[in-house]
Amino acid sequence: MAILGLLNQAPMHGYELRKRVLVLLGGFRALSYGSLYPALKRMRENGWICVPDPADATRVLPADAPPLTGKRGKVVYALTAEGKERFQDLLTEGGPEAWEDERFGVRFAFFAQTEADVRLRILEGRRRRVEERRDGLRASLGRTRERLDRYTLELQQHGLDSVDREVRWLSELIDHERVDGTQIDRKKNNPPASTS
């Protein structure tokens, strides 16, 4: 999703794509070239991306798009119509896979392009998942507290505090989504009065 989403913004070569994915994910996840290029190959095989001919650049790209090759003639990847469709499909998915640890950050990075009801469903699912984790940590800590040394106890408490912070953050986001949704509904149901 991250690759398709970034290529939806503009064509780019692998080095730039990797750099942008790392920025998108906040640098907390590594994306090696050994992972990136096989993924790009699979996406080309699926017809989601292509390598445009630089000679066709004037027909394919907007006037302000970066050049299709760098100084060393790097391969540049662009989204196809099928790739744009696939990205849109991914934006509409709001089931459990969207709120799991591995995918939530990427989904959240593209929330500006995601429909409000899907954003809310993902946030609520993520909060439930994190609350389950918090409850499990609290129960575990309660059972093992007396057997833990001071440092292990501090580490577990730190983990619990982090999970509590995420629950609060998600709750605030959900509240904002609901308020924004209510304001949008009011505007739809109460159009401005005519001045004529």
C-alpha atoms as a PDB file:
ATOM      1  CA  MET A   1       0.000   0.000   0.000  1.00  0.00           C
ATOM      2  CA  ALA A   2       2.822   2.410   0.835  1.00  0.00           C
ATOM      3  CA  ILE A   3       4.463   1.898  -2.546  1.00  0.00           C
ATOM      4  CA  LEU A   4       1.210   2.276  -4.480  1.00  0.00           C
ATOM      5  CA  GLY A   5       0.241   5.322  -2.422  1.00  0.00           C
ATOM      6  CA  LEU A   6       3.541   7.075  -3.023  1.00  0.00           C
ATOM      7  CA  LEU A   7       3.540   6.243  -6.725  1.00  0.00           C
ATOM      8  CA  ASN A   8      -0.013   7.595  -6.841  1.00  0.00           C
ATOM      9  CA  GLN A   9       1.523  10.967  -5.948  1.00  0.00           C
ATOM     10  CA  ALA A  10       4.279  10.869  -8.588  1.00  0.00           C
ATOM     11  CA  PRO A  11       6.499   8.450 -10.510  1.00  0.00           C
ATOM     12  CA  MET A  12       9.862   7.822  -8.838  1.00  0.00           C
ATOM     13  CA  HIS A  13      12.894   5.580  -8.909  1.00  0.00           C
ATOM     14  CA  GLY A  14      13.604   2.875  -6.339  1.00  0.00           C
ATOM     15  CA  TYR A  15      16.040   4.899  -4.239  1.00  0.00           C
ATOM     16  CA  GLU A  16      13.594   7.799  -3.881  1.00  0.00           C
ATOM     17  CA  LEU A  17      10.722   5.403  -3.244  1.00  0.00           C
ATOM     18  CA  ARG A  18      12.630   3.650  -0.442  1.00  0.00           C
ATOM     19  CA  LYS A  19      13.570   6.996   1.093  1.00  0.00           C
ATOM     20  CA  ARG A  20       9.951   8.213   0.985  1.00  0.00           C
ATOM     21  CA  VAL A  21       8.604   4.950   2.470  1.00  0.00           C
ATOM     22  CA  LEU A  22      11.053   5.283   5.370  1.00  0.00           C
ATOM     23  CA  VAL A  23       9.934   8.887   5.952  1.00  0.00           C
ATOM     24  CA  LEU A  24       6.287   7.829   5.687  1.00  0.00           C
ATOM     25  CA  LEU A  25       6.731   5.133   8.319  1.00  0.00           C
ATOM     26  CA  GLY A  26       8.730   7.401  10.591  1.00  0.00           C
ATOM     27  CA  GLY A  27      11.989   5.509  10.286  1.00  0.00           C
ATOM     28  CA  PHE A  28      10.828   2.856  12.757  1.00  0.00           C
ATOM     29  CA  ARG A  29      10.692   0.165  10.124  1.00  0.00           C
ATOM     30  CA  ALA A  30      13.480  -0.825   7.841  1.00  0.00           C
ATOM     31  CA  LEU A  31      12.792  -1.326   4.160  1.00  0.00           C
ATOM     32  CA  SER A  32      15.713  -2.971   2.455  1.00  0.00           C
ATOM     33  CA  TYR A  33      16.321  -2.962  -1.260  1.00  0.00           C
ATOM     34  CA  GLY A  34      16.079  -6.755  -0.948  1.00  0.00           C
ATOM     35  CA  SER A  35      12.417  -6.273  -0.010  1.00  0.00           C
ATOM     36  CA  LEU A  36      11.624  -3.279  -2.198  1.00  0.00           C
ATOM     37  CA  TYR A  37      12.733  -4.570  -5.594  1.00  0.00           C
ATOM     38  CA  PRO A  38      10.989  -7.964  -5.370  1.00  0.00           C
ATOM     39  CA  ALA A  39       7.818  -6.074  -4.357  1.00  0.00           C
ATOM     40  CA  LEU A  40       8.208  -3.760  -7.346  1.00  0.00           C
ATOM     41  CA  LYS A  41       8.719  -6.773  -9.598  1.00  0.00           C
ATOM     42  CA  ARG A  42       5.508  -8.408  -8.296  1.00  0.00           C
ATOM     43  CA  MET A  43       3.610  -5.165  -8.803  1.00  0.00           C
ATOM     44  CA  ARG A  44       4.846  -4.937 -12.397  1.00  0.00           C
ATOM     45  CA  GLU A  45       3.785  -8.547 -12.973  1.00  0.00           C
ATOM     46  CA  ASN A  46       0.338  -7.719 -11.564  1.00  0.00           C
ATOM     47  CA  GLY A  47       0.110  -4.737 -13.905  1.00  0.00           C
ATOM     48  CA  TRP A  48      -0.104  -2.194 -11.073  1.00  0.00           C
ATOM     49  CA  ILE A  49       3.068  -0.324 -11.982  1.00  0.00           C
ATOM     50  CA  CYS A  50       5.088   0.181 -15.131  1.00  0.00           C
ATOM     51  CA  VAL A  51       8.395   1.612 -16.235  1.00  0.00           C
ATOM     52  CA  PRO A  52       7.469   4.370 -18.671  1.00  0.00           C
ATOM     53  CA  ASP A  53       9.671   5.004 -21.670  1.00  0.00           C
ATOM     54  CA  PRO A  54      11.480   8.316 -21.019  1.00  0.00           C
ATOM     55  CA  ALA A  55      10.690   9.306 -24.618  1.00  0.00           C
ATOM     56  CA  ASP A  56       6.979   9.185 -23.749  1.00  0.00           C
ATOM     57  CA  ALA A  57       7.405  11.308 -20.619  1.00  0.00           C
ATOM     58  CA  THR A  58       5.765  14.377 -22.081  1.00  0.00           C
ATOM     59  CA  ARG A  59       2.580  12.416 -22.790  1.00  0.00           C
ATOM     60  CA  VAL A  60       2.542  10.394 -19.548  1.00  0.00           C
ATOM     61  CA  LEU A  61       3.491  12.909 -16.856  1.00  0.00           C
ATOM     62  CA  PRO A  62       2.335  16.338 -15.755  1.00  0.00           C
ATOM     63  CA  ALA A  63       4.607  19.262 -16.631  1.00  0.00           C
ATOM     64  CA  ASP A  64       5.964  19.595 -13.074  1.00  0.00           C
ATOM     65  CA  ALA A  65       6.846  15.890 -12.664  1.00  0.00           C
ATOM     66  CA  PRO A  66      10.472  15.007 -11.902  1.00  0.00           C
ATOM     67  CA  PRO A  67      12.581  13.567 -14.732  1.00  0.00           C
ATOM     68  CA  LEU A  68      12.063   9.860 -15.354  1.00  0.00           C
ATOM     69  CA  THR A  69      15.720   8.996 -14.983  1.00  0.00           C
ATOM     70  CA  GLY A  70      18.427  10.267 -12.722  1.00  0.00           C
ATOM     71  CA  LYS A  71      22.078  10.940 -13.519  1.00  0.00           C
ATOM     72  CA  ARG A  72      22.820   7.230 -13.722  1.00  0.00           C
ATOM     73  CA  GLY A  73      19.728   6.320 -15.718  1.00  0.00           C
ATOM     74  CA  LYS A  74      17.842   4.876 -12.740  1.00  0.00           C
ATOM     75  CA  VAL A  75      14.656   3.004 -13.502  1.00  0.00           C
ATOM     76  CA  VAL A  76      11.575   5.016 -12.649  1.00  0.00           C
ATOM     77  CA  TYR A  77       8.285   3.401 -11.702  1.00  0.00           C
ATOM     78  CA  ALA A  78       4.832   4.812 -12.359  1.00  0.00           C
ATOM     79  CA  LEU A  79       1.349   3.710 -11.399  1.00  0.00           C
ATOM     80  CA  THR A  80      -0.875   2.200 -14.077  1.00  0.00           C
ATOM     81  CA  ALA A  81      -4.659   2.575 -14.216  1.00  0.00           C
ATOM     82  CA  GLU A  82      -4.888  -0.881 -12.591  1.00  0.00           C
ATOM     83  CA  GLY A  83      -2.478   0.266  -9.892  1.00  0.00           C
ATOM     84  CA  LYS A  84      -4.621   3.304  -9.147  1.00  0.00           C
ATOM     85  CA  GLU A  85      -7.644   1.022  -8.904  1.00  0.00           C
ATOM     86  CA  ARG A  86      -5.791  -1.344  -6.574  1.00  0.00           C
ATOM     87  CA  PHE A  87      -4.739   1.572  -4.357  1.00  0.00           C
ATOM     88  CA  GLN A  88      -8.349   2.799  -4.191  1.00  0.00           C
ATOM     89  CA  ASP A  89      -9.470  -0.728  -3.256  1.00  0.00           C
ATOM     90  CA  LEU A  90      -6.903  -0.794  -0.448  1.00  0.00           C
ATOM     91  CA  LEU A  91      -8.170   2.556   0.821  1.00  0.00           C
ATOM     92  CA  THR A  92     -11.682   1.124   1.217  1.00  0.00           C
ATOM     93  CA  GLU A  93     -10.603  -1.925   3.225  1.00  0.00           C
ATOM     94  CA  GLY A  94     -11.361  -1.443   6.895  1.00  0.00           C
ATOM     95  CA  GLY A  95     -11.282  -4.941   8.347  1.00  0.00           C
ATOM     96  CA  PRO A  96      -8.985  -6.476  10.972  1.00  0.00           C
ATOM     97  CA  GLU A  97      -5.918  -6.514   8.712  1.00  0.00           C
ATOM     98  CA  ALA A  98      -6.070  -2.697   8.597  1.00  0.00           C
ATOM     99  CA  TRP A  99      -5.687  -2.238  12.347  1.00  0.00           C
ATOM    100  CA  GLU A 100      -3.001  -4.850  13.013  1.00  0.00           C
ATOM    101  CA  ASP A 101       0.465  -3.654  14.020  1.00  0.00           C
ATOM    102  CA  GLU A 102       2.058  -4.413  10.654  1.00  0.00           C
ATOM    103  CA  ARG A 103      -0.416  -2.422   8.571  1.00  0.00           C
ATOM    104  CA  PHE A 104      -1.918   0.237  10.793  1.00  0.00           C
ATOM    105  CA  GLY A 105       0.884   2.787  10.367  1.00  0.00           C
ATOM    106  CA  VAL A 106       0.729   2.569   6.586  1.00  0.00           C
ATOM    107  CA  ARG A 107      -3.066   2.818   6.582  1.00  0.00           C
ATOM    108  CA  PHE A 108      -2.906   5.802   8.932  1.00  0.00           C
ATOM    109  CA  ALA A 109      -0.385   7.536   6.667  1.00  0.00           C
ATOM    110  CA  PHE A 110      -3.013   7.560   3.904  1.00  0.00           C
ATOM    111  CA  PHE A 111      -6.002   8.545   6.065  1.00  0.00           C
ATOM    112  CA  ALA A 112      -6.341  11.879   4.240  1.00  0.00           C
ATOM    113  CA  GLN A 113      -7.348   9.877   1.153  1.00  0.00           C
ATOM    114  CA  THR A 114      -9.575   7.421   3.058  1.00  0.00           C
ATOM    115  CA  GLU A 115     -13.342   7.822   3.458  1.00  0.00           C
ATOM    116  CA  ALA A 116     -14.474   8.979   6.922  1.00  0.00           C
ATOM    117  CA  ASP A 117     -16.503   5.838   7.728  1.00  0.00           C
ATOM    118  CA  VAL A 118     -13.531   3.606   6.864  1.00  0.00           C
ATOM    119  CA  ARG A 119     -11.174   5.755   8.980  1.00  0.00           C
ATOM    120  CA  LEU A 120     -13.544   5.487  11.939  1.00  0.00           C
ATOM    121  CA  ARG A 121     -13.903   1.702  11.541  1.00  0.00           C
ATOM    122  CA  ILE A 122     -10.107   1.288  11.427  1.00  0.00           C
ATOM    123  CA  LEU A 123      -9.531   3.538  14.451  1.00  0.00           C
ATOM    124  CA  GLU A 124     -12.185   1.765  16.515  1.00  0.00           C
ATOM    125  CA  GLY A 125     -10.799  -1.647  15.551  1.00  0.00           C
ATOM    126  CA  ARG A 126      -7.276  -0.553  16.387  1.00  0.00           C
ATOM    127  CA  ARG A 127      -8.401   0.779  19.758  1.00  0.00           C
ATOM    128  CA  ARG A 128     -10.144  -2.519  20.587  1.00  0.00           C
ATOM    129  CA  ARG A 129      -6.993  -4.423  19.624  1.00  0.00           C
ATOM    130  CA  VAL A 130      -4.759  -2.194  21.751  1.00  0.00           C
ATOM    131  CA  GLU A 131      -7.195  -2.362  24.687  1.00  0.00           C
ATOM    132  CA  GLU A 132      -7.057  -6.169  24.501  1.00  0.00           C
ATOM    133  CA  ARG A 133      -3.268  -5.970  24.594  1.00  0.00           C
ATOM    134  CA  ARG A 134      -3.420  -3.553  27.541  1.00  0.00           C
ATOM    135  CA  ASP A 135      -5.765  -5.842  29.476  1.00  0.00           C
ATOM    136  CA  GLY A 136      -3.445  -8.794  28.825  1.00  0.00           C
ATOM    137  CA  LEU A 137      -0.419  -6.817  30.007  1.00  0.00           C
ATOM    138  CA  ARG A 138      -2.214  -5.694  33.171  1.00  0.00           C
ATOM    139  CA  ALA A 139      -3.311  -9.245  33.969  1.00  0.00           C
ATOM    140  CA  SER A 140       0.188 -10.590  33.367  1.00  0.00           C
ATOM    141  CA  LEU A 141       1.768  -7.863  35.455  1.00  0.00           C
ATOM    142  CA  GLY A 142      -0.705  -8.526  38.266  1.00  0.00           C
ATOM    143  CA  ARG A 143       0.174 -12.237  38.300  1.00  0.00           C
ATOM    144  CA  THR A 144       3.950 -11.833  38.119  1.00  0.00           C
ATOM    145  CA  ARG A 145       4.614  -8.546  39.929  1.00  0.00           C
ATOM    146  CA  GLU A 146       6.012 -10.109  43.115  1.00  0.00           C
ATOM    147  CA  ARG A 147       8.375 -12.411  41.170  1.00  0.00           C
ATOM    148  CA  LEU A 148       9.939  -9.684  39.035  1.00  0.00           C
ATOM    149  CA  ASP A 149      13.071  -7.738  39.799  1.00  0.00           C
ATOM    150  CA  ARG A 150      12.847  -3.960  39.857  1.00  0.00           C
ATOM    151  CA  TYR A 151      14.176  -3.486  36.304  1.00  0.00           C
ATOM    152  CA  THR A 152      11.928  -6.045  34.653  1.00  0.00           C
ATOM    153  CA  LEU A 153       8.990  -4.540  36.505  1.00  0.00           C
ATOM    154  CA  GLU A 154       9.943  -1.050  35.251  1.00  0.00           C
ATOM    155  CA  LEU A 155      10.234  -2.354  31.700  1.00  0.00           C
ATOM    156  CA  GLN A 156       6.809  -3.979  31.840  1.00  0.00           C
ATOM    157  CA  GLN A 157       5.311  -0.839  33.385  1.00  0.00           C
ATOM    158  CA  HIS A 158       6.877   1.212  30.580  1.00  0.00           C
ATOM    159  CA  GLY A 159       5.227  -1.091  28.022  1.00  0.00           C
ATOM    160  CA  LEU A 160       1.886  -0.741  29.780  1.00  0.00           C
ATOM    161  CA  ASP A 161       2.249   3.064  29.869  1.00  0.00           C
ATOM    162  CA  SER A 162       2.949   3.065  26.119  1.00  0.00           C
ATOM    163  CA  VAL A 163      -0.163   1.034  25.421  1.00  0.00           C
ATOM    164  CA  ASP A 164      -2.233   3.339  27.662  1.00  0.00           C
ATOM    165  CA  ARG A 165      -0.931   6.347  25.685  1.00  0.00           C
ATOM    166  CA  GLU A 166      -1.922   4.709  22.403  1.00  0.00           C
ATOM    167  CA  VAL A 167      -5.448   4.003  23.706  1.00  0.00           C
ATOM    168  CA  ARG A 168      -5.816   7.664  24.740  1.00  0.00           C
ATOM    169  CA  TRP A 169      -4.459   8.854  21.375  1.00  0.00           C
ATOM    170  CA  LEU A 170      -6.838   6.582  19.456  1.00  0.00           C
ATOM    171  CA  SER A 171      -9.774   7.714  21.601  1.00  0.00           C
ATOM    172  CA  GLU A 172      -8.975  11.356  20.808  1.00  0.00           C
ATOM    173  CA  LEU A 173      -8.753  10.586  17.087  1.00  0.00           C
ATOM    174  CA  ILE A 174     -12.078   8.747  17.206  1.00  0.00           C
ATOM    175  CA  ASP A 175     -13.716  11.676  19.014  1.00  0.00           C
ATOM    176  CA  HIS A 176     -12.383  14.085  16.343  1.00  0.00           C
ATOM    177  CA  GLU A 177     -13.627  11.818  13.546  1.00  0.00           C
ATOM    178  CA  ARG A 178     -17.091  11.694  15.104  1.00  0.00           C
ATOM    179  CA  VAL A 179     -17.218  15.474  15.584  1.00  0.00           C
ATOM    180  CA  ASP A 180     -16.040  16.052  12.006  1.00  0.00           C
ATOM    181  CA  GLY A 181     -18.618  13.555  10.742  1.00  0.00           C
ATOM    182  CA  THR A 182     -21.390  15.281  12.676  1.00  0.00           C
ATOM    183  CA  GLN A 183     -20.405  18.667  11.255  1.00  0.00           C
ATOM    184  CA  ILE A 184     -20.415  17.271   7.719  1.00  0.00           C
ATOM    185  CA  ASP A 185     -23.853  15.701   8.290  1.00  0.00           C
ATOM    186  CA  ARG A 186     -25.209  19.026   9.588  1.00  0.00           C
ATOM    187  CA  LYS A 187     -23.937  20.841   6.492  1.00  0.00           C
ATOM    188  CA  LYS A 188     -25.600  18.264   4.238  1.00  0.00           C
ATOM    189  CA  ASN A 189     -28.916  18.453   6.098  1.00  0.00           C
ATOM    190  CA  ASN A 190     -28.921  22.239   6.582  1.00  0.00           C
ATOM    191  CA  PRO A 191     -27.789  23.902   3.365  1.00  0.00           C
ATOM    192  CA  PRO A 192     -27.134  27.648   3.608  1.00  0.00           C
ATOM    193  CA  ALA A 193     -30.215  29.803   3.136  1.00  0.00           C
ATOM    194  CA  SER A 194     -30.598  31.576  -0.178  1.00  0.00           C
ATOM    195  CA  THR A 195     -29.821  35.303  -0.114  1.00  0.00           C
ATOM    196  CA  SER A 196     -32.260  36.142  -2.913  1.00  0.00           C
END
